[in-house]
Amino acid sequence: MTERNVLATATRSAPNKVASPYARIVRKNFSDAVVSSLRTFGRAVDVAKESVGGAARDIVSLKFQWREMLQQCWYLITVTALPAILMAVPFGVIVSVQVGNLIHQLGADSLLGAASGLGVIKQGAPLATGLLLGGAGAAAIAADLGARSIREEIDALRTMGISPIHRLVIPRMVAMVIVAPMLNILIIFVGVSAGYAVAVGAQDVTPGSYWGTFGSFVTLADVWVSLLKSMIFGFLVVVIACQRGLEAKGGPRGVADGVNAAVVLSVVSITIVNLLITQLVTMFIPVRLA
C-alpha cells in the first residue's frame, strides 16, 4: 500500500511539474506585453507633449514649417476627399433606411430628418473621418517616416542638431488637425444629403417635414462636438503614426510592421475615445429641441 501511495502521489505531481514551466512562460509573455504596451503609450504621450509644445513655440518664434504643413494638408486632402464622399453616402443611406423603417412602424415619419441628421452628425461623420485618417493618413505618415528611419535620415537630423519632431512631426500634426474638420464637414453634407434623397425618394417623407425636424433637433452644439471629435481623432492618428514611423527598425519589414501597427492602433484608439466622448456628451449635452 505504501508503494501504491508513493506512485499515486508522483503521478499527481507530475502534471503540475510539467505545467508549471508553461504557466511561467504564459505569465512572462503576458507581463512583457503589458509592460511593452505601457512603454509604447508613454513614448506616444511624450511625442504628443513635445509636438504640441513645439508647435506653439515654433509659431511664436516664426520658425514654423508652413510650406511643409501646406504640402501635407494638400496630400491628406487628395488621398481622403474622394473616399470620404464614398463613405458618406452609405452612412447616410444606412441610417435613413434602418431608422426610417422603425419610425414608419411607429407612425412618426416626420421625425426621420431628426434621426438621420443626428446619426450622421454625432456618430457617422466623426467616425468616418477618423477611420479615413487612420487608414490612409496614418499609413502614409508611418510609411514616410519609417522609410526615413531605416535610411538613417532621422539619425542624420539628430546628428546635425535638428529635432525630427520640429522638422517632420509638427507640420504633419497641424495638417492633420486642420484637414480633419474639413473632412468632417464634407461627410456631414454628403451624408445628410444622401439620407434626404432616400427619405424623400423611397420612404415618402415630405421635404418640409424632413428639414423641419432636422432643424428642430439638431443644434449648433452637436456640430461643434462633431468637429471637436474629428480633430481629436486626427490628433490621435498623427501621434500614433509618427511614433510608429520614427521607431521603425529592421529594413522594409520594419516599415511594414510600423504601418500595420499605426493603422490598427489608430482604429482601436478612435473607437475607445469615441465611446468615452459619446458618454460624456450624453451626460452633459443631452438631445433637446433647438
C-alpha atoms as a PDB file:
ATOM      1  CA  MET A   1       0.000   0.000   0.000  1.00  0.00           C
ATOM      2  CA  THR A   2       2.862   2.337   0.711  1.00  0.00           C
ATOM      3  CA  GLU A   3       4.351   1.859  -2.759  1.00  0.00           C
ATOM      4  CA  ARG A   4       0.965   2.483  -4.369  1.00  0.00           C
ATOM      5  CA  ASN A   5       0.548   5.719  -2.403  1.00  0.00           C
ATOM      6  CA  VAL A   6       4.003   6.857  -3.480  1.00  0.00           C
ATOM      7  CA  LEU A   7       3.254   6.090  -7.121  1.00  0.00           C
ATOM      8  CA  ALA A   8      -0.115   7.870  -6.936  1.00  0.00           C
ATOM      9  CA  THR A   9       1.463  10.929  -5.366  1.00  0.00           C
ATOM     10  CA  ALA A  10       4.192  11.005  -8.020  1.00  0.00           C
ATOM     11  CA  THR A  11       1.609  10.666 -10.790  1.00  0.00           C
ATOM     12  CA  ARG A  12      -0.490  13.524  -9.431  1.00  0.00           C
ATOM     13  CA  SER A  13       2.501  15.820  -9.000  1.00  0.00           C
ATOM     14  CA  ALA A  14       3.954  15.104 -12.468  1.00  0.00           C
ATOM     15  CA  PRO A  15       1.378  17.168 -14.438  1.00  0.00           C
ATOM     16  CA  ASN A  16       1.960  20.102 -12.106  1.00  0.00           C
ATOM     17  CA  LYS A  17       5.686  19.918 -12.700  1.00  0.00           C
ATOM     18  CA  VAL A  18       5.106  19.749 -16.445  1.00  0.00           C
ATOM     19  CA  ALA A  19       2.518  22.540 -16.454  1.00  0.00           C
ATOM     20  CA  SER A  20       4.446  24.944 -14.241  1.00  0.00           C
ATOM     21  CA  PRO A  21       7.023  25.912 -16.929  1.00  0.00           C
ATOM     22  CA  TYR A  22       4.205  26.651 -19.393  1.00  0.00           C
ATOM     23  CA  ALA A  23       2.405  28.726 -16.764  1.00  0.00           C
ATOM     24  CA  ARG A  24       5.581  30.684 -16.117  1.00  0.00           C
ATOM     25  CA  ILE A  25       6.038  31.269 -19.861  1.00  0.00           C
ATOM     26  CA  VAL A  26       2.444  32.486 -20.217  1.00  0.00           C
ATOM     27  CA  ARG A  27       2.783  34.803 -17.217  1.00  0.00           C
ATOM     28  CA  LYS A  28       6.084  36.167 -18.511  1.00  0.00           C
ATOM     29  CA  ASN A  29       4.716  36.805 -22.009  1.00  0.00           C
ATOM     30  CA  PHE A  30       1.640  38.495 -20.574  1.00  0.00           C
ATOM     31  CA  SER A  31       3.667  40.701 -18.241  1.00  0.00           C
ATOM     32  CA  ASP A  32       6.112  41.568 -21.042  1.00  0.00           C
ATOM     33  CA  ALA A  33       3.226  42.529 -23.337  1.00  0.00           C
ATOM     34  CA  VAL A  34       1.670  44.745 -20.649  1.00  0.00           C
ATOM     35  CA  VAL A  35       4.984  46.449 -19.835  1.00  0.00           C
ATOM     36  CA  SER A  36       5.775  46.933 -23.536  1.00  0.00           C
ATOM     37  CA  SER A  37       2.323  48.427 -24.147  1.00  0.00           C
ATOM     38  CA  LEU A  38       2.735  50.863 -21.259  1.00  0.00           C
ATOM     39  CA  ARG A  39       6.166  51.907 -22.505  1.00  0.00           C
ATOM     40  CA  THR A  40       4.825  52.441 -26.024  1.00  0.00           C
ATOM     41  CA  PHE A  41       1.964  54.507 -24.613  1.00  0.00           C
ATOM     42  CA  GLY A  42       4.434  56.568 -22.618  1.00  0.00           C
ATOM     43  CA  ARG A  43       6.565  57.258 -25.685  1.00  0.00           C
ATOM     44  CA  ALA A  44       3.461  58.283 -27.649  1.00  0.00           C
ATOM     45  CA  VAL A  45       2.487  60.677 -24.846  1.00  0.00           C
ATOM     46  CA  ASP A  46       5.989  62.172 -24.955  1.00  0.00           C
ATOM     47  CA  VAL A  47       5.688  62.683 -28.719  1.00  0.00           C
ATOM     48  CA  ALA A  48       2.295  64.360 -28.238  1.00  0.00           C
ATOM     49  CA  LYS A  49       3.548  66.672 -25.488  1.00  0.00           C
ATOM     50  CA  GLU A  50       6.665  67.673 -27.407  1.00  0.00           C
ATOM     51  CA  SER A  51       4.666  68.218 -30.605  1.00  0.00           C
ATOM     52  CA  VAL A  52       2.022  70.441 -29.008  1.00  0.00           C
ATOM     53  CA  GLY A  53       4.566  72.495 -27.069  1.00  0.00           C
ATOM     54  CA  GLY A  54       6.935  72.681 -30.025  1.00  0.00           C
ATOM     55  CA  ALA A  55       4.168  73.819 -32.380  1.00  0.00           C
ATOM     56  CA  ALA A  56       3.268  76.691 -30.067  1.00  0.00           C
ATOM     57  CA  ARG A  57       6.902  77.734 -29.708  1.00  0.00           C
ATOM     58  CA  ASP A  58       7.574  77.485 -33.451  1.00  0.00           C
ATOM     59  CA  ILE A  59       4.572  79.653 -34.308  1.00  0.00           C
ATOM     60  CA  VAL A  60       5.508  82.291 -31.751  1.00  0.00           C
ATOM     61  CA  SER A  61       9.165  82.337 -32.807  1.00  0.00           C
ATOM     62  CA  LEU A  62       8.227  82.367 -36.537  1.00  0.00           C
ATOM     63  CA  LYS A  63      10.068  79.084 -37.151  1.00  0.00           C
ATOM     64  CA  PHE A  64       7.043  77.018 -38.086  1.00  0.00           C
ATOM     65  CA  GLN A  65       7.331  74.904 -41.275  1.00  0.00           C
ATOM     66  CA  TRP A  66       4.405  76.463 -43.141  1.00  0.00           C
ATOM     67  CA  ARG A  67       5.375  75.119 -46.557  1.00  0.00           C
ATOM     68  CA  GLU A  68       5.694  71.562 -45.254  1.00  0.00           C
ATOM     69  CA  MET A  69       2.386  71.881 -43.424  1.00  0.00           C
ATOM     70  CA  LEU A  70       0.544  73.079 -46.544  1.00  0.00           C
ATOM     71  CA  GLN A  71       2.063  70.266 -48.610  1.00  0.00           C
ATOM     72  CA  GLN A  72       0.881  67.719 -46.033  1.00  0.00           C
ATOM     73  CA  CYS A  73      -2.590  69.288 -45.979  1.00  0.00           C
ATOM     74  CA  TRP A  74      -2.893  69.009 -49.738  1.00  0.00           C
ATOM     75  CA  TYR A  75      -1.631  65.418 -49.702  1.00  0.00           C
ATOM     76  CA  LEU A  76      -4.103  64.386 -46.994  1.00  0.00           C
ATOM     77  CA  ILE A  77      -6.962  66.041 -48.885  1.00  0.00           C
ATOM     78  CA  THR A  78      -6.061  64.273 -52.133  1.00  0.00           C
ATOM     79  CA  VAL A  79      -5.965  60.815 -50.520  1.00  0.00           C
ATOM     80  CA  THR A  80      -9.083  61.205 -48.337  1.00  0.00           C
ATOM     81  CA  ALA A  81     -11.565  63.508 -50.128  1.00  0.00           C
ATOM     82  CA  LEU A  82     -12.948  61.001 -52.629  1.00  0.00           C
ATOM     83  CA  PRO A  83     -13.049  58.086 -50.131  1.00  0.00           C
ATOM     84  CA  ALA A  84     -14.831  60.438 -47.704  1.00  0.00           C
ATOM     85  CA  ILE A  85     -17.601  61.039 -50.229  1.00  0.00           C
ATOM     86  CA  LEU A  86     -17.854  57.325 -50.997  1.00  0.00           C
ATOM     87  CA  MET A  87     -18.109  56.512 -47.273  1.00  0.00           C
ATOM     88  CA  ALA A  88     -20.562  59.310 -46.503  1.00  0.00           C
ATOM     89  CA  VAL A  89     -23.190  58.095 -48.964  1.00  0.00           C
ATOM     90  CA  PRO A  90     -23.594  54.623 -47.383  1.00  0.00           C
ATOM     91  CA  PHE A  91     -23.583  56.153 -43.891  1.00  0.00           C
ATOM     92  CA  GLY A  92     -26.464  58.473 -44.764  1.00  0.00           C
ATOM     93  CA  VAL A  93     -28.399  55.790 -46.633  1.00  0.00           C
ATOM     94  CA  ILE A  94     -27.996  53.145 -43.916  1.00  0.00           C
ATOM     95  CA  VAL A  95     -29.103  55.490 -41.137  1.00  0.00           C
ATOM     96  CA  SER A  96     -32.076  56.690 -43.172  1.00  0.00           C
ATOM     97  CA  VAL A  97     -33.213  53.185 -44.147  1.00  0.00           C
ATOM     98  CA  GLN A  98     -32.746  51.491 -40.773  1.00  0.00           C
ATOM     99  CA  VAL A  99     -34.166  54.289 -38.659  1.00  0.00           C
ATOM    100  CA  GLY A 100     -36.843  55.032 -41.257  1.00  0.00           C
ATOM    101  CA  ASN A 101     -38.264  51.508 -41.073  1.00  0.00           C
ATOM    102  CA  LEU A 102     -38.602  51.738 -37.301  1.00  0.00           C
ATOM    103  CA  ILE A 103     -40.074  55.236 -37.361  1.00  0.00           C
ATOM    104  CA  HIS A 104     -42.530  54.224 -40.097  1.00  0.00           C
ATOM    105  CA  GLN A 105     -43.844  51.397 -37.905  1.00  0.00           C
ATOM    106  CA  LEU A 106     -44.370  53.910 -35.103  1.00  0.00           C
ATOM    107  CA  GLY A 107     -46.168  56.310 -37.429  1.00  0.00           C
ATOM    108  CA  ALA A 108     -43.670  59.152 -36.939  1.00  0.00           C
ATOM    109  CA  ASP A 109     -42.305  59.565 -40.450  1.00  0.00           C
ATOM    110  CA  SER A 110     -41.791  63.278 -39.935  1.00  0.00           C
ATOM    111  CA  LEU A 111     -39.040  62.587 -37.367  1.00  0.00           C
ATOM    112  CA  LEU A 112     -36.822  60.871 -39.928  1.00  0.00           C
ATOM    113  CA  GLY A 113     -34.948  64.092 -40.633  1.00  0.00           C
ATOM    114  CA  ALA A 114     -34.010  64.498 -36.968  1.00  0.00           C
ATOM    115  CA  ALA A 115     -32.939  60.878 -36.568  1.00  0.00           C
ATOM    116  CA  SER A 116     -30.932  60.827 -39.770  1.00  0.00           C
ATOM    117  CA  GLY A 117     -29.269  64.151 -39.088  1.00  0.00           C
ATOM    118  CA  LEU A 118     -28.331  63.321 -35.513  1.00  0.00           C
ATOM    119  CA  GLY A 119     -26.984  59.915 -36.525  1.00  0.00           C
ATOM    120  CA  VAL A 120     -24.754  61.315 -39.255  1.00  0.00           C
ATOM    121  CA  ILE A 121     -23.566  64.390 -37.352  1.00  0.00           C
ATOM    122  CA  LYS A 122     -22.967  62.806 -33.955  1.00  0.00           C
ATOM    123  CA  GLN A 123     -21.553  59.420 -34.930  1.00  0.00           C
ATOM    124  CA  GLY A 124     -21.276  58.807 -38.671  1.00  0.00           C
ATOM    125  CA  ALA A 125     -19.204  61.830 -39.711  1.00  0.00           C
ATOM    126  CA  PRO A 126     -16.614  61.790 -36.885  1.00  0.00           C
ATOM    127  CA  LEU A 127     -16.129  58.031 -37.100  1.00  0.00           C
ATOM    128  CA  ALA A 128     -15.822  58.076 -40.882  1.00  0.00           C
ATOM    129  CA  THR A 129     -13.307  60.931 -40.627  1.00  0.00           C
ATOM    130  CA  GLY A 130     -11.266  59.092 -38.022  1.00  0.00           C
ATOM    131  CA  LEU A 131     -11.270  55.824 -39.937  1.00  0.00           C
ATOM    132  CA  LEU A 132     -10.246  57.545 -43.161  1.00  0.00           C
ATOM    133  CA  LEU A 133      -7.416  59.416 -41.469  1.00  0.00           C
ATOM    134  CA  GLY A 134      -6.446  56.291 -39.551  1.00  0.00           C
ATOM    135  CA  GLY A 135      -6.349  54.241 -42.736  1.00  0.00           C
ATOM    136  CA  ALA A 136      -4.984  56.457 -45.489  1.00  0.00           C
ATOM    137  CA  GLY A 137      -3.364  59.194 -43.406  1.00  0.00           C
ATOM    138  CA  ALA A 138      -1.719  57.018 -40.768  1.00  0.00           C
ATOM    139  CA  ALA A 139      -0.400  54.576 -43.348  1.00  0.00           C
ATOM    140  CA  ALA A 140       1.135  57.347 -45.448  1.00  0.00           C
ATOM    141  CA  ILE A 141       2.752  59.120 -42.498  1.00  0.00           C
ATOM    142  CA  ALA A 142       4.073  55.929 -40.891  1.00  0.00           C
ATOM    143  CA  ALA A 143       5.473  54.707 -44.219  1.00  0.00           C
ATOM    144  CA  ASP A 144       7.164  58.042 -44.933  1.00  0.00           C
ATOM    145  CA  LEU A 145       8.779  58.391 -41.506  1.00  0.00           C
ATOM    146  CA  GLY A 146       9.583  54.682 -41.357  1.00  0.00           C
ATOM    147  CA  ALA A 147      11.423  54.857 -44.673  1.00  0.00           C
ATOM    148  CA  ARG A 148      13.365  57.862 -43.400  1.00  0.00           C
ATOM    149  CA  SER A 149      14.238  55.945 -40.242  1.00  0.00           C
ATOM    150  CA  ILE A 150      15.651  52.867 -41.962  1.00  0.00           C
ATOM    151  CA  ARG A 151      17.615  55.130 -44.340  1.00  0.00           C
ATOM    152  CA  GLU A 152      19.097  56.749 -41.217  1.00  0.00           C
ATOM    153  CA  GLU A 153      17.774  60.177 -42.184  1.00  0.00           C
ATOM    154  CA  ILE A 154      16.304  60.617 -38.713  1.00  0.00           C
ATOM    155  CA  ASP A 155      19.676  59.873 -37.116  1.00  0.00           C
ATOM    156  CA  ALA A 156      21.316  62.309 -39.531  1.00  0.00           C
ATOM    157  CA  LEU A 157      18.903  65.055 -38.452  1.00  0.00           C
ATOM    158  CA  ARG A 158      19.706  64.427 -34.802  1.00  0.00           C
ATOM    159  CA  THR A 159      23.444  64.469 -35.590  1.00  0.00           C
ATOM    160  CA  MET A 160      23.062  67.897 -37.219  1.00  0.00           C
ATOM    161  CA  GLY A 161      21.184  69.168 -34.175  1.00  0.00           C
ATOM    162  CA  ILE A 162      17.784  69.259 -35.915  1.00  0.00           C
ATOM    163  CA  SER A 163      14.848  67.859 -33.971  1.00  0.00           C
ATOM    164  CA  PRO A 164      12.798  65.352 -36.023  1.00  0.00           C
ATOM    165  CA  ILE A 165       9.758  66.394 -34.011  1.00  0.00           C
ATOM    166  CA  HIS A 166      10.050  70.033 -35.105  1.00  0.00           C
ATOM    167  CA  ARG A 167      11.080  69.266 -38.673  1.00  0.00           C
ATOM    168  CA  LEU A 168       8.785  66.345 -39.518  1.00  0.00           C
ATOM    169  CA  VAL A 169       6.156  65.637 -36.854  1.00  0.00           C
ATOM    170  CA  ILE A 170       4.778  69.097 -36.044  1.00  0.00           C
ATOM    171  CA  PRO A 171       3.857  70.076 -39.656  1.00  0.00           C
ATOM    172  CA  ARG A 172       2.063  66.739 -40.091  1.00  0.00           C
ATOM    173  CA  MET A 173       0.250  67.131 -36.784  1.00  0.00           C
ATOM    174  CA  VAL A 174      -1.021  70.617 -37.644  1.00  0.00           C
ATOM    175  CA  ALA A 175      -2.008  69.480 -41.145  1.00  0.00           C
ATOM    176  CA  MET A 176      -3.980  66.537 -39.766  1.00  0.00           C
ATOM    177  CA  VAL A 177      -5.801  68.708 -37.215  1.00  0.00           C
ATOM    178  CA  ILE A 178      -6.717  71.199 -39.975  1.00  0.00           C
ATOM    179  CA  VAL A 179      -7.861  68.599 -42.517  1.00  0.00           C
ATOM    180  CA  ALA A 180      -9.924  66.546 -40.036  1.00  0.00           C
ATOM    181  CA  PRO A 181     -12.780  69.079 -39.515  1.00  0.00           C
ATOM    182  CA  MET A 182     -12.830  69.824 -43.246  1.00  0.00           C
ATOM    183  CA  LEU A 183     -13.410  66.143 -43.987  1.00  0.00           C
ATOM    184  CA  ASN A 184     -15.986  66.023 -41.210  1.00  0.00           C
ATOM    185  CA  ILE A 185     -17.983  68.865 -42.777  1.00  0.00           C
ATOM    186  CA  LEU A 186     -17.798  67.204 -46.192  1.00  0.00           C
ATOM    187  CA  ILE A 187     -19.067  63.903 -44.784  1.00  0.00           C
ATOM    188  CA  ILE A 188     -21.896  65.644 -42.914  1.00  0.00           C
ATOM    189  CA  PHE A 189     -23.046  67.421 -46.083  1.00  0.00           C
ATOM    190  CA  VAL A 190     -22.897  64.315 -48.276  1.00  0.00           C
ATOM    191  CA  GLY A 191     -24.359  62.004 -45.615  1.00  0.00           C
ATOM    192  CA  VAL A 192     -27.317  64.233 -44.798  1.00  0.00           C
ATOM    193  CA  SER A 193     -27.972  64.804 -48.500  1.00  0.00           C
ATOM    194  CA  ALA A 194     -27.932  61.053 -49.177  1.00  0.00           C
ATOM    195  CA  GLY A 195     -30.304  60.446 -46.284  1.00  0.00           C
ATOM    196  CA  TYR A 196     -32.617  63.171 -47.565  1.00  0.00           C
ATOM    197  CA  ALA A 197     -32.660  61.660 -51.060  1.00  0.00           C
ATOM    198  CA  VAL A 198     -33.561  58.220 -49.698  1.00  0.00           C
ATOM    199  CA  ALA A 199     -36.185  59.570 -47.305  1.00  0.00           C
ATOM    200  CA  VAL A 200     -37.940  61.678 -49.937  1.00  0.00           C
ATOM    201  CA  GLY A 201     -37.497  59.350 -52.878  1.00  0.00           C
ATOM    202  CA  ALA A 202     -38.023  55.915 -51.315  1.00  0.00           C
ATOM    203  CA  GLN A 203     -39.796  56.430 -47.986  1.00  0.00           C
ATOM    204  CA  ASP A 204     -42.414  59.037 -48.987  1.00  0.00           C
ATOM    205  CA  VAL A 205     -41.268  61.656 -46.485  1.00  0.00           C
ATOM    206  CA  THR A 206     -42.111  65.225 -47.454  1.00  0.00           C
ATOM    207  CA  PRO A 207     -39.135  67.576 -47.842  1.00  0.00           C
ATOM    208  CA  GLY A 208     -40.659  70.129 -45.475  1.00  0.00           C
ATOM    209  CA  SER A 209     -41.112  67.685 -42.601  1.00  0.00           C
ATOM    210  CA  TYR A 210     -37.601  66.257 -43.120  1.00  0.00           C
ATOM    211  CA  TRP A 211     -35.846  69.613 -42.902  1.00  0.00           C
ATOM    212  CA  GLY A 212     -38.273  70.876 -40.248  1.00  0.00           C
ATOM    213  CA  THR A 213     -37.460  68.106 -37.769  1.00  0.00           C
ATOM    214  CA  PHE A 214     -33.805  68.234 -38.764  1.00  0.00           C
ATOM    215  CA  GLY A 215     -33.646  71.900 -37.805  1.00  0.00           C
ATOM    216  CA  SER A 216     -35.665  71.349 -34.633  1.00  0.00           C
ATOM    217  CA  PHE A 217     -33.485  68.640 -33.087  1.00  0.00           C
ATOM    218  CA  VAL A 218     -30.000  69.262 -34.492  1.00  0.00           C
ATOM    219  CA  THR A 219     -28.348  72.064 -32.547  1.00  0.00           C
ATOM    220  CA  LEU A 220     -25.166  74.010 -33.166  1.00  0.00           C
ATOM    221  CA  ALA A 221     -23.620  72.258 -30.158  1.00  0.00           C
ATOM    222  CA  ASP A 222     -23.965  68.915 -31.960  1.00  0.00           C
ATOM    223  CA  VAL A 223     -21.993  70.254 -34.922  1.00  0.00           C
ATOM    224  CA  TRP A 224     -19.267  71.681 -32.685  1.00  0.00           C
ATOM    225  CA  VAL A 225     -18.969  68.397 -30.799  1.00  0.00           C
ATOM    226  CA  SER A 226     -18.691  66.540 -34.106  1.00  0.00           C
ATOM    227  CA  LEU A 227     -15.907  68.869 -35.292  1.00  0.00           C
ATOM    228  CA  LEU A 228     -14.096  68.567 -31.963  1.00  0.00           C
ATOM    229  CA  LYS A 229     -14.272  64.780 -32.111  1.00  0.00           C
ATOM    230  CA  SER A 230     -12.826  64.749 -35.611  1.00  0.00           C
ATOM    231  CA  MET A 231      -9.924  66.965 -34.502  1.00  0.00           C
ATOM    232  CA  ILE A 232      -9.221  64.708 -31.518  1.00  0.00           C
ATOM    233  CA  PHE A 233      -9.283  61.648 -33.771  1.00  0.00           C
ATOM    234  CA  GLY A 234      -6.907  63.326 -36.212  1.00  0.00           C
ATOM    235  CA  PHE A 235      -4.529  64.225 -33.377  1.00  0.00           C
ATOM    236  CA  LEU A 236      -4.528  60.644 -32.087  1.00  0.00           C
ATOM    237  CA  VAL A 237      -3.906  59.273 -35.577  1.00  0.00           C
ATOM    238  CA  VAL A 238      -0.954  61.549 -36.337  1.00  0.00           C
ATOM    239  CA  VAL A 239       0.714  60.961 -32.963  1.00  0.00           C
ATOM    240  CA  ILE A 240       0.447  57.187 -33.290  1.00  0.00           C
ATOM    241  CA  ALA A 241       1.593  57.198 -36.921  1.00  0.00           C
ATOM    242  CA  CYS A 242       4.588  59.443 -36.234  1.00  0.00           C
ATOM    243  CA  GLN A 243       5.634  57.460 -33.188  1.00  0.00           C
ATOM    244  CA  ARG A 244       5.499  54.145 -35.043  1.00  0.00           C
ATOM    245  CA  GLY A 245       7.262  55.611 -38.066  1.00  0.00           C
ATOM    246  CA  LEU A 246      10.107  57.154 -36.074  1.00  0.00           C
ATOM    247  CA  GLU A 247      10.692  53.869 -34.243  1.00  0.00           C
ATOM    248  CA  ALA A 248      10.701  51.650 -37.350  1.00  0.00           C
ATOM    249  CA  LYS A 249      13.681  49.292 -37.467  1.00  0.00           C
ATOM    250  CA  GLY A 250      14.789  46.260 -39.422  1.00  0.00           C
ATOM    251  CA  GLY A 251      14.527  47.366 -43.039  1.00  0.00           C
ATOM    252  CA  PRO A 252      11.395  47.215 -45.200  1.00  0.00           C
ATOM    253  CA  ARG A 253       9.845  44.592 -42.923  1.00  0.00           C
ATOM    254  CA  GLY A 254      10.097  47.034 -40.026  1.00  0.00           C
ATOM    255  CA  VAL A 255       8.414  49.756 -42.069  1.00  0.00           C
ATOM    256  CA  ALA A 256       5.561  47.396 -42.968  1.00  0.00           C
ATOM    257  CA  ASP A 257       5.146  46.400 -39.313  1.00  0.00           C
ATOM    258  CA  GLY A 258       5.119  50.058 -38.305  1.00  0.00           C
ATOM    259  CA  VAL A 259       2.436  50.909 -40.863  1.00  0.00           C
ATOM    260  CA  ASN A 260       0.308  47.953 -39.784  1.00  0.00           C
ATOM    261  CA  ALA A 261       0.660  48.862 -36.110  1.00  0.00           C
ATOM    262  CA  ALA A 262      -0.158  52.517 -36.817  1.00  0.00           C
ATOM    263  CA  VAL A 263      -3.392  51.657 -38.641  1.00  0.00           C
ATOM    264  CA  VAL A 264      -4.557  49.094 -36.069  1.00  0.00           C
ATOM    265  CA  LEU A 265      -3.734  51.264 -33.052  1.00  0.00           C
ATOM    266  CA  SER A 266      -5.388  54.276 -34.675  1.00  0.00           C
ATOM    267  CA  VAL A 267      -8.651  52.428 -35.277  1.00  0.00           C
ATOM    268  CA  VAL A 268      -8.692  50.962 -31.754  1.00  0.00           C
ATOM    269  CA  SER A 269      -7.885  54.327 -30.176  1.00  0.00           C
ATOM    270  CA  ILE A 270     -10.589  56.090 -32.184  1.00  0.00           C
ATOM    271  CA  THR A 271     -13.183  53.507 -31.132  1.00  0.00           C
ATOM    272  CA  ILE A 272     -12.323  53.776 -27.434  1.00  0.00           C
ATOM    273  CA  VAL A 273     -12.109  57.576 -27.385  1.00  0.00           C
ATOM    274  CA  ASN A 274     -15.383  57.854 -29.329  1.00  0.00           C
ATOM    275  CA  LEU A 275     -17.102  55.731 -26.683  1.00  0.00           C
ATOM    276  CA  LEU A 276     -15.784  57.941 -23.886  1.00  0.00           C
ATOM    277  CA  ILE A 277     -16.674  61.207 -25.644  1.00  0.00           C
ATOM    278  CA  THR A 278     -20.158  59.936 -26.521  1.00  0.00           C
ATOM    279  CA  GLN A 279     -20.798  59.042 -22.885  1.00  0.00           C
ATOM    280  CA  LEU A 280     -19.631  62.454 -21.677  1.00  0.00           C
ATOM    281  CA  VAL A 281     -21.664  64.315 -24.300  1.00  0.00           C
ATOM    282  CA  THR A 282     -24.766  62.285 -23.462  1.00  0.00           C
ATOM    283  CA  MET A 283     -24.355  63.191 -19.781  1.00  0.00           C
ATOM    284  CA  PHE A 284     -23.737  66.919 -20.196  1.00  0.00           C
ATOM    285  CA  ILE A 285     -25.348  67.798 -23.568  1.00  0.00           C
ATOM    286  CA  PRO A 286     -28.493  65.647 -23.941  1.00  0.00           C
ATOM    287  CA  VAL A 287     -30.663  65.722 -27.046  1.00  0.00           C
ATOM    288  CA  ARG A 288     -33.087  68.634 -26.939  1.00  0.00           C
ATOM    289  CA  LEU A 289     -35.124  70.848 -29.225  1.00  0.00           C
ATOM    290  CA  ALA A 290     -33.139  73.533 -30.992  1.00  0.00           C
END
